[in-house]
Every structure is written in C-alpha cells, then in structure tokens.
Amino acid sequence: MIRRPPDQKETYEFSPIFDNGTSLGYENAEKQLVALCDTNHLDAYIGRGSHHCSWTVADDQRAPHIELCAHYLKTHPDARSAMQDVLRFEPTDIETICAECTQFPVGVPFTPERAYFVSRLVLARRARLVALLEGTHGKLD
C-alpha cells in the first residue's frame, strides 16, 4: 500500500489481505450481541468498518468495503459475473455453518448468540453486495 498524505513524502507498507476478525464482531462482549442484532445496529456497525487501504494512491483514507467493490465494478465491469458467483449461496447455509460452530469444544466457545450475530453480519453484507451488483445500491461513481 502506498500512502501519500498531503504535502508529505510517500510511504510504503504492506496492506493486510486477511480478515483479522474485527469485521465479524469479535470485539463485542457476549452481553451486547442480542442488542447489536437489530437492523439499525448492524447497519451502523457495518458502516463503521473499513479496509486497510483505499482505491487510489492519493487517497490516504481507509475505504468501506462496499465502496471498494463499487470502484472495482466500475473499473472492471466484466468482473460482475464472478462477483455474483461469490454471493451464490443460500442464507440458511451461513446460519447452519455458524450454528454448527457452536458445537466445537474449545476454551472460548462460539456461543449461539455469537453465531446468530455473525450470521446476521455476513448476510447483511451479502445483501449490500447483491444490491450493488443488481444496480439497486446507488450510482457507481
């Protein structure tokens, strides 16, 4: 990643290509999870999230995921089909996978509440991407 703050020298660093867990809400305490599952809280949580990079070298601000996807789609419209393929799964599959994760006997259990929260996060993000790819998210500018 190249950073170029205004009136300063460029700096270079690696940008993580992994998900370190923050997008799945690991920082939220168990007692908060039920309240965070309503649509308004989920939308706010997702809206605060951003990548470790931006679209252009000149922009040093972290970009939201949907914004980067919109830029990518605008720049590479032929990628639409591949992007849609990534989203071709049944929502119940995510719910089932998350619920199954509660069955592993580990030191820090993946509780049913966390499974529900994570599945809601994934499905809310999926809905945003589907809307973008179907052209109902807004303009790609």
Protein backbone atom coordinates (compact mmCIF):
# COMPACT_ATOMS: atom_id res chain seq x y z
CA MET A 1 0.00 0.00 0.00
CA ILE A 2 1.25 3.46 -0.80
CA ARG A 3 0.30 6.33 1.48
CA ARG A 4 0.73 9.92 0.39
CA PRO A 5 -0.55 12.38 3.00
CA PRO A 6 -0.99 15.90 1.60
CA ASP A 7 2.32 17.78 1.38
CA GLN A 8 4.29 14.82 2.70
CA LYS A 9 6.55 12.12 1.34
CA GLU A 10 5.11 8.81 0.14
CA THR A 11 5.43 5.85 2.47
CA TYR A 12 5.12 2.20 1.51
CA GLU A 13 3.74 -0.65 3.60
CA PHE A 14 2.02 -3.97 3.18
CA SER A 15 -1.73 -3.85 3.46
CA PRO A 16 -3.32 -6.87 5.12
CA ILE A 17 -5.32 -9.03 2.74
CA PHE A 18 -6.79 -11.03 5.59
CA ASP A 19 -9.74 -10.51 7.86
CA ASN A 20 -8.39 -10.13 11.37
CA GLY A 21 -11.79 -10.73 12.92
CA THR A 22 -12.98 -7.19 13.51
CA SER A 23 -15.47 -7.47 10.68
CA LEU A 24 -17.03 -10.42 12.50
CA GLY A 25 -17.52 -8.52 15.73
CA TYR A 26 -15.01 -10.29 17.97
CA GLU A 27 -14.58 -7.08 19.98
CA ASN A 28 -18.22 -7.13 21.14
CA ALA A 29 -18.97 -8.70 24.51
CA GLU A 30 -21.46 -11.54 24.69
CA LYS A 31 -23.93 -9.42 26.64
CA GLN A 32 -24.05 -6.87 23.77
CA LEU A 33 -24.75 -9.31 20.96
CA VAL A 34 -28.52 -9.57 21.18
CA ALA A 35 -28.95 -5.78 21.08
CA LEU A 36 -26.49 -5.49 18.19
CA CYS A 37 -28.53 -7.84 16.00
CA ASP A 38 -31.24 -5.34 15.14
CA THR A 39 -31.04 -3.81 11.68
CA ASN A 40 -30.09 -0.30 12.82
CA HIS A 41 -27.18 -1.52 14.94
CA LEU A 42 -25.97 -3.88 12.20
CA ASP A 43 -26.09 -1.12 9.59
CA ALA A 44 -24.17 1.24 11.88
CA TYR A 45 -21.58 -1.43 12.69
CA ILE A 46 -21.05 -2.30 9.04
CA GLY A 47 -20.92 1.40 8.14
CA ARG A 48 -18.05 1.99 10.56
CA GLY A 49 -15.94 -0.78 9.05
CA SER A 50 -13.23 -0.06 6.53
CA HIS A 51 -10.35 -1.70 4.72
CA HIS A 52 -6.71 -1.01 5.47
CA CYS A 53 -6.42 0.61 2.07
CA SER A 54 -8.16 2.97 -0.33
CA TRP A 55 -8.73 2.91 -4.07
CA THR A 56 -6.13 5.47 -5.11
CA VAL A 57 -2.62 6.36 -4.05
CA ALA A 58 -3.64 9.96 -3.45
CA ASP A 59 -6.39 8.98 -1.00
CA ASP A 60 -4.95 8.10 2.40
CA GLN A 61 -8.33 7.33 3.96
CA ARG A 62 -9.44 3.77 4.61
CA ALA A 63 -12.33 2.86 2.33
CA PRO A 64 -15.51 0.96 3.21
CA HIS A 65 -15.79 -2.47 1.60
CA ILE A 66 -18.86 -1.68 -0.49
CA GLU A 67 -17.14 1.47 -1.79
CA LEU A 68 -14.11 -0.52 -2.94
CA CYS A 69 -16.38 -3.09 -4.57
CA ALA A 70 -18.26 -0.31 -6.38
CA HIS A 71 -15.00 1.18 -7.67
CA TYR A 72 -13.79 -2.24 -8.77
CA LEU A 73 -17.05 -2.93 -10.58
CA LYS A 74 -16.96 0.45 -12.31
CA THR A 75 -13.35 -0.10 -13.40
CA HIS A 76 -13.82 -3.77 -14.31
CA PRO A 77 -17.47 -4.27 -15.36
CA ASP A 78 -16.58 -7.67 -16.82
CA ALA A 79 -15.98 -8.87 -13.23
CA ARG A 80 -19.68 -8.59 -12.33
CA SER A 81 -20.41 -12.25 -13.07
CA ALA A 82 -17.50 -13.51 -10.94
CA MET A 83 -18.52 -11.17 -8.12
CA GLN A 84 -22.07 -12.51 -8.30
CA ASP A 85 -20.77 -16.09 -8.19
CA VAL A 86 -19.15 -15.42 -4.81
CA LEU A 87 -22.58 -14.49 -3.44
CA ARG A 88 -24.44 -17.51 -4.80
CA PHE A 89 -25.18 -19.33 -1.59
CA GLU A 90 -28.31 -19.79 0.43
CA PRO A 91 -28.61 -17.59 3.52
CA THR A 92 -29.60 -20.66 5.51
CA ASP A 93 -26.17 -22.15 4.71
CA ILE A 94 -24.48 -19.33 6.64
CA GLU A 95 -26.89 -19.77 9.55
CA THR A 96 -26.24 -23.52 9.59
CA ILE A 97 -22.46 -23.15 9.45
CA CYS A 98 -22.45 -20.60 12.27
CA ALA A 99 -24.76 -22.78 14.38
CA GLU A 100 -22.51 -25.80 13.81
CA CYS A 101 -19.52 -23.79 15.06
CA THR A 102 -21.16 -23.65 18.50
CA GLN A 103 -20.65 -27.40 18.83
CA PHE A 104 -16.84 -27.37 18.99
CA PRO A 105 -15.44 -27.99 22.49
CA VAL A 106 -12.96 -25.12 22.69
CA GLY A 107 -11.69 -22.95 25.54
CA VAL A 108 -13.59 -19.87 24.36
CA PRO A 109 -16.87 -21.16 22.99
CA PHE A 110 -18.64 -19.75 19.95
CA THR A 111 -21.97 -19.18 21.65
CA PRO A 112 -25.37 -19.43 19.95
CA GLU A 113 -25.73 -15.65 20.43
CA ARG A 114 -22.42 -15.02 18.67
CA ALA A 115 -23.34 -17.47 15.91
CA TYR A 116 -26.56 -15.55 15.31
CA PHE A 117 -24.74 -12.20 15.36
CA VAL A 118 -22.05 -13.36 12.92
CA SER A 119 -24.62 -14.85 10.56
CA ARG A 120 -26.61 -11.58 10.63
CA LEU A 121 -23.41 -9.61 9.84
CA VAL A 122 -22.47 -11.84 6.93
CA LEU A 123 -25.98 -11.80 5.50
CA ALA A 124 -26.31 -8.01 5.86
CA ARG A 125 -23.04 -7.54 3.98
CA ARG A 126 -24.17 -10.03 1.35
CA ALA A 127 -27.40 -8.06 0.87
CA ARG A 128 -25.41 -4.86 0.32
CA LEU A 129 -23.22 -6.53 -2.28
CA VAL A 130 -26.20 -8.12 -4.04
CA ALA A 131 -27.85 -4.68 -4.22
CA LEU A 132 -24.66 -3.20 -5.67
CA LEU A 133 -24.36 -5.91 -8.30
CA GLU A 134 -28.04 -5.68 -9.22
CA GLY A 135 -27.75 -1.93 -9.56
CA THR A 136 -30.09 -1.11 -6.69
CA HIS A 137 -27.35 0.14 -4.33
CA GLY A 138 -26.92 3.50 -5.99
CA LYS A 139 -24.69 5.01 -8.62
CA LEU A 140 -21.23 3.61 -9.25
CA ASP A 141 -19.33 6.87 -9.20
